[in-house]
Amino acid sequence: MNLIELFETQSKLDARIVEEKGLQERDLLPEKVLALLTELGELANEWRGFKFWSNDQESRNHLEKYETMDGHNFYAAHRNPLLEEYVDNLHFILSLGLELHPKVAHMEWAKDYEGYVDNPSHLIRTASTTDVFTALYKRVVVFMDSQELTDYAKLFYLFFTLGRKLDFTLDQIETAYYLKNEINHERQNTNY
């Protein structure tokens, strides 16, 4: 996974949205934080593991089947609901980093990230997925209050820890991110 390219790709989408929506003078950080918190809830809802009251706790981590107008069936990798929600969150996490500092992708912590993924924290082995979700919510609030790079880095790393807990590979995440980024650009083309 090339983090620099992910940040650059997100930067292009963010710049397009700001330009086309006339948001140059607006502080978007509060909306981005709220959007991330909302997306985390949507991700948890697709995961379903916290729903102790339900008999249906099976994660929505599967490919959805679609039928084209001419009757052919296909499976779309970007329509894995759990993975799609995960990369929706990734869009906002990248965007928050860029909001913090436009050159965040070129900072040393980002270059070191891949080593972190290869040597996951103890959270992957010991914490429940519910614990990681809860820690992420807390980490988003801490970042919002401090707006410090160190708190952003902890949020970023914890988010990828969740990806590991959800059994996503870096290749799956990267591929799904770029597919969703194309969809997001297409939405801008159609005045979404």
Protein backbone atom coordinates (compact mmCIF):
# COMPACT_ATOMS: atom_id res chain seq x y z
CA MET A 1 0.00 0.00 0.00
CA ASN A 2 1.41 3.35 -1.02
CA LEU A 3 0.24 5.86 1.56
CA ILE A 4 1.69 8.84 -0.27
CA GLU A 5 -0.43 8.00 -3.31
CA LEU A 6 -3.52 7.52 -1.16
CA PHE A 7 -3.06 10.97 0.39
CA GLU A 8 -2.42 12.52 -3.03
CA THR A 9 -5.53 10.86 -4.48
CA GLN A 10 -7.61 12.08 -1.54
CA SER A 11 -6.14 15.56 -1.88
CA LYS A 12 -7.36 15.74 -5.49
CA LEU A 13 -10.89 14.71 -4.51
CA ASP A 14 -10.96 17.14 -1.58
CA ALA A 15 -9.70 20.00 -3.76
CA ARG A 16 -12.32 19.24 -6.38
CA ILE A 17 -15.13 19.24 -3.84
CA VAL A 18 -13.94 22.49 -2.24
CA GLU A 19 -13.64 24.17 -5.63
CA GLU A 20 -16.92 22.94 -7.10
CA LYS A 21 -18.92 23.56 -3.93
CA GLY A 22 -17.32 26.97 -3.27
CA LEU A 23 -16.00 25.99 0.17
CA GLN A 24 -12.62 27.77 0.03
CA GLU A 25 -13.30 30.00 3.04
CA ARG A 26 -15.03 27.41 5.19
CA ASP A 27 -13.52 25.44 8.08
CA LEU A 28 -14.49 21.88 7.16
CA LEU A 29 -12.80 20.12 10.08
CA PRO A 30 -15.93 19.90 12.30
CA GLU A 31 -18.00 18.46 9.43
CA LYS A 32 -15.26 16.00 8.51
CA VAL A 33 -15.03 14.81 12.12
CA LEU A 34 -18.80 14.36 12.33
CA ALA A 35 -18.79 12.57 8.98
CA LEU A 36 -16.08 10.20 10.24
CA LEU A 37 -18.00 9.46 13.44
CA THR A 38 -21.12 8.78 11.36
CA GLU A 39 -19.20 6.53 8.98
CA LEU A 40 -17.71 4.61 11.91
CA GLY A 41 -21.27 3.90 13.06
CA GLU A 42 -22.22 2.71 9.58
CA LEU A 43 -19.16 0.45 9.55
CA ALA A 44 -20.07 -0.99 12.95
CA ASN A 45 -23.60 -1.57 11.71
CA GLU A 46 -22.30 -3.63 8.76
CA TRP A 47 -20.00 -5.55 11.11
CA ARG A 48 -22.93 -6.35 13.44
CA GLY A 49 -20.77 -8.07 16.09
CA PHE A 50 -21.87 -5.70 18.86
CA LYS A 51 -25.58 -6.49 18.42
CA PHE A 52 -25.92 -8.80 21.42
CA TRP A 53 -29.71 -8.49 21.22
CA SER A 54 -29.90 -9.88 17.68
CA ASN A 55 -29.72 -13.41 16.35
CA ASP A 56 -28.17 -11.93 13.19
CA GLN A 57 -24.66 -10.94 14.19
CA GLU A 58 -23.04 -12.06 10.95
CA SER A 59 -20.80 -9.47 9.38
CA ARG A 60 -21.81 -8.11 5.97
CA ASN A 61 -18.36 -9.04 4.67
CA HIS A 62 -19.29 -10.65 1.38
CA LEU A 63 -19.62 -9.78 -2.27
CA GLU A 64 -23.07 -8.72 -3.37
CA LYS A 65 -24.50 -10.23 -6.52
CA TYR A 66 -25.90 -7.92 -9.19
CA GLU A 67 -27.75 -8.51 -12.41
CA THR A 68 -27.18 -6.33 -15.45
CA MET A 69 -29.97 -5.08 -17.69
CA ASP A 70 -29.23 -7.88 -20.19
CA GLY A 71 -29.61 -10.55 -17.48
CA HIS A 72 -25.94 -11.32 -16.80
CA ASN A 73 -24.84 -11.74 -13.20
CA PHE A 74 -21.65 -10.25 -11.79
CA TYR A 75 -20.03 -9.77 -8.42
CA ALA A 76 -18.57 -6.37 -7.68
CA ALA A 77 -15.62 -6.29 -5.27
CA HIS A 78 -16.45 -2.72 -4.25
CA ARG A 79 -19.93 -3.82 -3.21
CA ASN A 80 -18.68 -5.76 -0.24
CA PRO A 81 -20.73 -3.68 2.24
CA LEU A 82 -18.28 -3.99 5.14
CA LEU A 83 -15.25 -3.18 3.01
CA GLU A 84 -17.07 -0.33 1.29
CA GLU A 85 -17.93 1.24 4.65
CA TYR A 86 -14.35 0.74 5.79
CA VAL A 87 -12.98 2.69 2.82
CA ASP A 88 -15.62 5.40 3.29
CA ASN A 89 -13.97 5.90 6.68
CA LEU A 90 -10.54 5.84 5.09
CA HIS A 91 -11.55 8.72 2.80
CA PHE A 92 -12.42 10.86 5.81
CA ILE A 93 -9.35 9.83 7.82
CA LEU A 94 -7.08 10.80 4.92
CA SER A 95 -9.03 14.01 4.48
CA LEU A 96 -8.65 14.86 8.18
CA GLY A 97 -4.91 14.43 7.89
CA LEU A 98 -4.82 16.75 4.90
CA GLU A 99 -6.95 19.25 6.82
CA LEU A 100 -4.44 19.14 9.65
CA HIS A 101 -1.50 19.78 7.36
CA PRO A 102 -1.49 19.79 3.53
CA LYS A 103 1.86 17.98 3.45
CA VAL A 104 0.90 15.31 5.98
CA ALA A 105 1.46 12.58 3.36
CA HIS A 106 5.12 13.52 3.15
CA MET A 107 5.77 13.42 6.88
CA GLU A 108 7.93 10.73 8.40
CA TRP A 109 5.17 8.92 10.31
CA ALA A 110 3.31 8.19 7.04
CA LYS A 111 6.41 6.66 5.45
CA ASP A 112 6.82 4.38 8.46
CA TYR A 113 3.25 3.10 8.42
CA GLU A 114 3.81 -0.08 6.40
CA GLY A 115 6.17 -1.40 9.07
CA TYR A 116 3.43 -0.87 11.62
CA VAL A 117 1.02 -2.97 9.59
CA ASP A 118 3.56 -5.76 9.25
CA ASN A 119 4.05 -5.75 13.03
CA PRO A 120 0.54 -5.13 14.36
CA SER A 121 -0.02 -3.86 17.84
CA HIS A 122 -1.11 -6.03 20.71
CA LEU A 123 -4.66 -4.76 20.09
CA ILE A 124 -5.04 -7.14 17.16
CA ARG A 125 -4.23 -10.09 19.37
CA THR A 126 -5.92 -9.09 22.60
CA ALA A 127 -8.70 -6.54 22.14
CA SER A 128 -12.13 -7.38 20.86
CA THR A 129 -13.37 -5.72 17.70
CA THR A 130 -15.89 -3.84 19.86
CA ASP A 131 -13.00 -2.50 21.96
CA VAL A 132 -11.20 -1.27 18.84
CA PHE A 133 -14.35 0.47 17.56
CA THR A 134 -14.82 2.14 20.94
CA ALA A 135 -11.17 3.19 21.07
CA LEU A 136 -11.52 4.68 17.58
CA TYR A 137 -14.48 6.81 18.64
CA LYS A 138 -12.46 8.08 21.59
CA ARG A 139 -9.42 8.70 19.41
CA VAL A 140 -11.47 10.79 16.93
CA VAL A 141 -12.66 13.02 19.78
CA VAL A 142 -9.13 13.37 21.18
CA PHE A 143 -7.88 14.37 17.74
CA MET A 144 -10.70 16.87 17.29
CA ASP A 145 -9.81 18.51 20.59
CA SER A 146 -6.04 18.61 20.07
CA GLN A 147 -5.62 18.72 16.28
CA GLU A 148 -2.08 17.45 16.90
CA LEU A 149 -0.17 15.25 14.48
CA THR A 150 0.61 12.70 17.19
CA ASP A 151 -3.10 12.24 17.92
CA TYR A 152 -3.83 11.98 14.20
CA ALA A 153 -1.13 9.31 13.82
CA LYS A 154 -2.66 7.30 16.69
CA LEU A 155 -6.09 7.56 15.05
CA PHE A 156 -4.64 6.53 11.71
CA TYR A 157 -2.81 3.51 13.13
CA LEU A 158 -5.80 2.41 15.18
CA PHE A 159 -8.01 2.59 12.10
CA PHE A 160 -5.71 0.15 10.28
CA THR A 161 -5.70 -2.06 13.36
CA LEU A 162 -9.47 -2.24 12.94
CA GLY A 163 -8.96 -3.21 9.30
CA ARG A 164 -6.82 -6.11 10.45
CA LYS A 165 -9.46 -7.09 13.03
CA LEU A 166 -12.02 -7.15 10.21
CA ASP A 167 -9.70 -9.44 8.20
CA PHE A 168 -9.01 -6.99 5.38
CA THR A 169 -5.70 -7.16 3.57
CA LEU A 170 -3.87 -4.01 2.55
CA ASP A 171 -4.45 -4.95 -1.10
CA GLN A 172 -8.20 -5.25 -0.53
CA ILE A 173 -8.29 -1.89 1.24
CA GLU A 174 -6.24 -0.15 -1.44
CA THR A 175 -8.26 -1.60 -4.33
CA ALA A 176 -11.57 -0.77 -2.67
CA TYR A 177 -10.36 2.75 -1.85
CA TYR A 178 -9.53 3.51 -5.47
CA LEU A 179 -12.82 2.03 -6.68
CA LYS A 180 -14.76 4.16 -4.20
CA ASN A 181 -12.70 7.21 -5.13
CA GLU A 182 -13.82 6.75 -8.75
CA ILE A 183 -17.43 6.55 -7.55
CA ASN A 184 -16.94 9.72 -5.50
CA HIS A 185 -15.59 11.57 -8.56
CA GLU A 186 -18.50 10.28 -10.63
CA ARG A 187 -20.91 11.56 -7.98
CA GLN A 188 -19.33 14.99 -8.35
CA ASN A 189 -19.87 14.74 -12.12
CA THR A 190 -23.58 14.16 -11.52
CA ASN A 191 -24.05 16.95 -8.94
CA TYR A 192 -24.33 14.53 -5.99
